[in-house]
Amino acid sequence: MKKVTIITVENQQEGLAAAKYLLYKKVDDQTLLLLSGGSTPKDLYETIAQEKKLTAKAVGMVDERKDRSNYKMIMSTGLLDYLKNLKIKFYPMISASYYDRDIHKLIGSSKNKAAVMGIGADGHTAGLPAGTQISNLKSQNYVIDINNFPGEFRKRVTLTFRALLKMDLLIVLAFGENKKEALEKMFDPSADSGQEAIEEIPARFYLRPDIAPKTLLITDQKI
C-alpha cells in the first residue's frame, strides 16, 4: 500500500520553497489550481506573484470564511493581479451554490487538478472541522456551507471530500509546533481509515489508500 509522501524541512520558509518548486513543476496551462486560505500560504502566494513563473488553466479557492478574509489575503499578495495579466481566470468563493456549479464545470473540463491544502491545529483541513457530521462527509456536492465551525469564524464555505477526491495532486502544508499534535493524531496507528476516524480528524482523509499516492505533506515536524 502506498503511503503519503512526506517532505521534512527545517522551517516554514524552506517548506514554502519546496511547495513553490512543486507547483512550478506540476502545474501547467491545463491545470486547475485550488488555493487554501489562512496565514500559512500567504508568503508562498506573494513569491509566486513576484517571480511570475506560474501558469494554470484556472485558479480557485479551497475554503472561505464568510467575511471573505481568505479572498482578501490572496488578493493582498498580488497574485490576483498577476493572474489577471496572464488572462487566467480566478474563481472566488462567493457562495456555496454558485461555487459548486463553477467547480463542477472546472473539474470536468480540466486535464489536471491540484490543490494547496493546510492542516489546522485541531486536525481540520479545508473548511471541514474536526468532528464534522457524517452528513457533511457524505455530501454529493463539491462545495458546502459550514455554519458551526469551532472558533472565531463559525460560518465558512468549503470544498468537500468529494471534490478533493477529484484532485490529482494535494500539496499539504503543516508548519510549527502547534501542528505537532494534529499530525500525531492524523498518523495515530490505532485509528482506522474509516469514516468515523476521518470525522474525528479530517486530515486522516489524506491517508486513505486512494488519496495517499496523490498527497505530498510538507512539514517541519518529525513524524
Protein backbone atom coordinates (compact mmCIF):
# COMPACT_ATOMS: atom_id res chain seq x y z
CA MET A 1 0.00 0.00 0.00
CA LYS A 2 1.40 3.39 -0.99
CA LYS A 3 1.74 5.99 1.74
CA VAL A 4 1.69 9.75 1.86
CA THR A 5 4.97 11.26 0.66
CA ILE A 6 6.41 13.32 3.50
CA ILE A 7 8.89 16.11 2.78
CA THR A 8 10.56 17.13 6.03
CA VAL A 9 12.06 20.62 6.15
CA GLU A 10 13.85 22.73 8.74
CA ASN A 11 11.32 25.56 8.88
CA GLN A 12 8.32 27.12 7.17
CA GLN A 13 10.44 29.19 4.79
CA GLU A 14 12.14 26.07 3.46
CA GLY A 15 8.79 24.30 3.25
CA LEU A 16 7.18 27.05 1.22
CA ALA A 17 10.16 27.00 -1.14
CA ALA A 18 9.59 23.26 -1.63
CA ALA A 19 5.90 23.87 -2.29
CA LYS A 20 6.74 26.56 -4.84
CA TYR A 21 9.10 24.22 -6.66
CA LEU A 22 6.40 21.55 -6.83
CA LEU A 23 3.84 24.00 -8.19
CA TYR A 24 6.22 25.21 -10.89
CA LYS A 25 6.98 21.61 -11.83
CA LYS A 26 3.49 20.11 -11.68
CA VAL A 27 1.09 22.91 -12.64
CA ASP A 28 0.71 23.98 -16.28
CA ASP A 29 -1.83 25.64 -18.55
CA GLN A 30 -4.00 22.50 -18.45
CA THR A 31 -4.23 22.51 -14.65
CA LEU A 32 -6.97 23.70 -12.34
CA LEU A 33 -5.20 25.04 -9.24
CA LEU A 34 -7.10 25.47 -5.97
CA LEU A 35 -5.68 27.50 -3.09
CA SER A 36 -6.28 27.28 0.65
CA GLY A 37 -6.63 30.35 2.82
CA GLY A 38 -5.21 31.04 6.25
CA SER A 39 -1.89 32.60 7.18
CA THR A 40 0.45 29.72 6.26
CA PRO A 41 0.48 30.01 2.44
CA LYS A 42 0.50 33.83 2.22
CA ASP A 43 4.25 34.11 1.66
CA LEU A 44 4.02 31.36 -0.98
CA TYR A 45 1.42 33.29 -2.96
CA GLU A 46 3.43 36.51 -2.67
CA THR A 47 6.56 34.81 -4.03
CA ILE A 48 4.65 33.26 -6.93
CA ALA A 49 3.22 36.68 -7.83
CA GLN A 50 6.67 38.27 -7.72
CA GLU A 51 8.53 35.60 -9.67
CA LYS A 52 5.91 35.41 -12.42
CA LYS A 53 6.65 31.82 -13.42
CA LEU A 54 3.43 30.01 -12.58
CA THR A 55 0.78 29.28 -15.16
CA ALA A 56 -2.55 27.49 -14.89
CA LYS A 57 -5.79 26.91 -16.75
CA ALA A 58 -7.81 28.45 -13.91
CA VAL A 59 -7.35 29.19 -10.21
CA GLY A 60 -9.90 28.90 -7.44
CA MET A 61 -10.24 28.54 -3.70
CA VAL A 62 -10.40 25.59 -1.29
CA ASP A 63 -12.17 27.36 1.56
CA GLU A 64 -13.51 30.72 2.60
CA ARG A 65 -14.79 32.50 5.68
CA LYS A 66 -18.00 34.47 5.44
CA ASP A 67 -16.07 37.71 5.92
CA ARG A 68 -14.13 36.79 2.75
CA SER A 69 -10.82 37.08 4.63
CA ASN A 70 -9.18 34.31 2.58
CA TYR A 71 -10.03 36.12 -0.65
CA LYS A 72 -8.66 39.36 0.81
CA MET A 73 -5.46 37.58 1.84
CA ILE A 74 -4.91 36.13 -1.63
CA MET A 75 -5.67 39.50 -3.22
CA SER A 76 -3.20 41.26 -0.90
CA THR A 77 -0.34 39.06 -2.16
CA GLY A 78 -0.56 40.44 -5.69
CA LEU A 79 -1.40 37.01 -7.08
CA LEU A 80 -4.76 38.06 -8.50
CA ASP A 81 -3.19 40.92 -10.45
CA TYR A 82 -0.59 38.52 -11.83
CA LEU A 83 -3.28 36.04 -12.92
CA LYS A 84 -5.32 38.83 -14.49
CA ASN A 85 -2.33 39.95 -16.54
CA LEU A 86 -1.98 36.40 -17.88
CA LYS A 87 -5.74 36.21 -18.53
CA ILE A 88 -6.03 33.28 -16.11
CA LYS A 89 -9.47 33.41 -14.53
CA PHE A 90 -9.71 33.37 -10.75
CA TYR A 91 -12.85 31.96 -9.15
CA PRO A 92 -13.69 33.41 -5.70
CA MET A 93 -15.88 31.51 -3.24
CA ILE A 94 -18.85 33.88 -3.08
CA SER A 95 -21.45 31.28 -2.11
CA ALA A 96 -21.64 27.50 -1.86
CA SER A 97 -24.27 27.15 -4.58
CA TYR A 98 -22.51 29.32 -7.17
CA TYR A 99 -19.09 27.88 -6.43
CA ASP A 100 -20.40 24.32 -6.54
CA ARG A 101 -21.58 24.98 -10.09
CA ASP A 102 -18.24 26.53 -11.10
CA ILE A 103 -16.15 23.74 -9.57
CA HIS A 104 -18.21 21.02 -11.24
CA LYS A 105 -17.52 22.62 -14.61
CA LEU A 106 -13.84 23.26 -13.91
CA ILE A 107 -13.12 19.77 -12.60
CA GLY A 108 -14.94 18.24 -15.55
CA SER A 109 -13.07 20.30 -18.12
CA SER A 110 -9.54 20.30 -16.64
CA LYS A 111 -6.96 17.71 -17.60
CA ASN A 112 -5.12 18.11 -14.28
CA LYS A 113 -6.31 19.22 -10.85
CA ALA A 114 -4.06 20.34 -7.98
CA ALA A 115 -4.69 21.91 -4.59
CA VAL A 116 -2.63 23.62 -1.90
CA MET A 117 -4.02 22.41 1.42
CA GLY A 118 -3.41 23.02 5.10
CA ILE A 119 -3.99 21.24 8.39
CA GLY A 120 -5.34 23.08 11.42
CA ALA A 121 -4.07 22.60 14.95
CA ASP A 122 -7.18 20.51 15.71
CA GLY A 123 -6.70 18.31 12.64
CA HIS A 124 -9.21 20.01 10.36
CA THR A 125 -8.46 20.52 6.68
CA ALA A 126 -10.08 22.83 4.13
CA GLY A 127 -13.11 24.27 5.97
CA LEU A 128 -14.17 20.86 7.31
CA PRO A 129 -13.90 20.95 11.11
CA ALA A 130 -12.77 18.15 13.36
CA GLY A 131 -15.87 16.28 14.50
CA THR A 132 -17.90 17.36 11.47
CA GLN A 133 -21.14 15.49 10.95
CA ILE A 134 -21.08 12.42 8.73
CA SER A 135 -23.75 14.03 6.53
CA ASN A 136 -21.13 16.59 5.51
CA LEU A 137 -18.64 13.88 4.65
CA LYS A 138 -21.27 12.13 2.54
CA SER A 139 -22.35 15.26 0.70
CA GLN A 140 -22.84 14.78 -3.03
CA ASN A 141 -21.94 18.41 -3.60
CA TYR A 142 -18.44 19.65 -4.28
CA VAL A 143 -18.99 22.72 -2.08
CA ILE A 144 -20.96 23.16 1.15
CA ASP A 145 -21.65 25.71 3.87
CA ILE A 146 -20.37 25.09 7.39
CA ASN A 147 -22.27 27.13 9.97
CA ASN A 148 -20.84 25.72 13.21
CA PHE A 149 -17.08 25.79 12.73
CA PRO A 150 -15.36 25.99 16.14
CA GLY A 151 -13.71 29.29 16.96
CA GLU A 152 -13.99 32.84 15.73
CA PHE A 153 -15.10 32.26 12.13
CA ARG A 154 -18.06 29.92 12.52
CA LYS A 155 -19.58 30.39 9.06
CA ARG A 156 -17.49 29.06 6.19
CA VAL A 157 -17.71 27.75 2.64
CA THR A 158 -15.54 24.77 1.76
CA LEU A 159 -14.77 22.09 -0.77
CA THR A 160 -16.00 18.67 0.30
CA PHE A 161 -14.04 15.44 0.33
CA ARG A 162 -15.93 14.51 -2.84
CA ALA A 163 -14.27 17.45 -4.59
CA LEU A 164 -10.87 16.69 -3.09
CA LEU A 165 -11.17 13.13 -4.37
CA LYS A 166 -11.01 14.58 -7.88
CA MET A 167 -7.60 16.17 -7.33
CA ASP A 168 -4.54 14.65 -9.00
CA LEU A 169 -2.14 16.36 -6.58
CA LEU A 170 -2.62 17.54 -3.00
CA ILE A 171 0.21 19.63 -1.54
CA VAL A 172 -0.42 19.75 2.21
CA LEU A 173 1.39 22.33 4.36
CA ALA A 174 1.84 21.91 8.13
CA PHE A 175 4.37 24.08 9.95
CA GLY A 176 5.02 24.98 13.57
CA GLU A 177 4.79 23.34 16.97
CA ASN A 178 1.04 23.92 17.08
CA LYS A 179 0.67 21.36 14.27
CA LYS A 180 2.58 18.64 16.10
CA GLU A 181 -0.42 17.27 17.98
CA ALA A 182 -2.62 17.38 14.88
CA LEU A 183 -0.06 15.37 12.91
CA GLU A 184 0.28 12.87 15.74
CA LYS A 185 -3.49 12.36 15.70
CA MET A 186 -3.50 12.16 11.92
CA PHE A 187 -0.91 9.38 11.88
CA ASP A 188 -2.18 7.63 15.03
CA PRO A 189 -1.62 3.94 14.23
CA SER A 190 -4.56 2.93 16.42
CA ALA A 191 -7.01 4.90 14.27
CA ASP A 192 -8.53 3.14 11.28
CA SER A 193 -9.09 4.77 7.90
CA GLY A 194 -12.87 4.56 8.08
CA GLN A 195 -15.41 7.31 8.03
CA GLU A 196 -15.59 7.79 11.78
CA ALA A 197 -11.81 8.25 12.04
CA ILE A 198 -11.91 10.90 9.31
CA GLU A 199 -14.88 12.53 11.01
CA GLU A 200 -12.83 12.86 14.19
CA ILE A 201 -9.68 14.16 12.43
CA PRO A 202 -10.43 15.26 8.83
CA ALA A 203 -6.69 15.31 7.96
CA ARG A 204 -6.80 11.49 8.06
CA PHE A 205 -8.52 11.78 4.68
CA TYR A 206 -5.02 12.10 3.17
CA LEU A 207 -4.13 8.62 4.45
CA ARG A 208 -6.88 6.88 2.52
CA PRO A 209 -5.40 4.30 0.12
CA ASP A 210 -6.84 6.13 -2.89
CA ILE A 211 -5.64 9.58 -1.70
CA ALA A 212 -2.22 8.90 -0.16
CA PRO A 213 -0.42 8.37 -3.50
CA LYS A 214 -1.59 11.82 -4.61
CA THR A 215 -0.59 13.58 -1.38
CA LEU A 216 2.67 15.40 -0.61
CA LEU A 217 2.91 16.53 3.01
CA ILE A 218 5.47 19.26 3.64
CA THR A 219 6.21 19.82 7.33
CA ASP A 220 8.89 20.93 9.77
CA GLN A 221 7.62 18.48 12.39
CA LYS A 222 9.01 14.99 12.92
CA ILE A 223 6.51 12.25 12.17
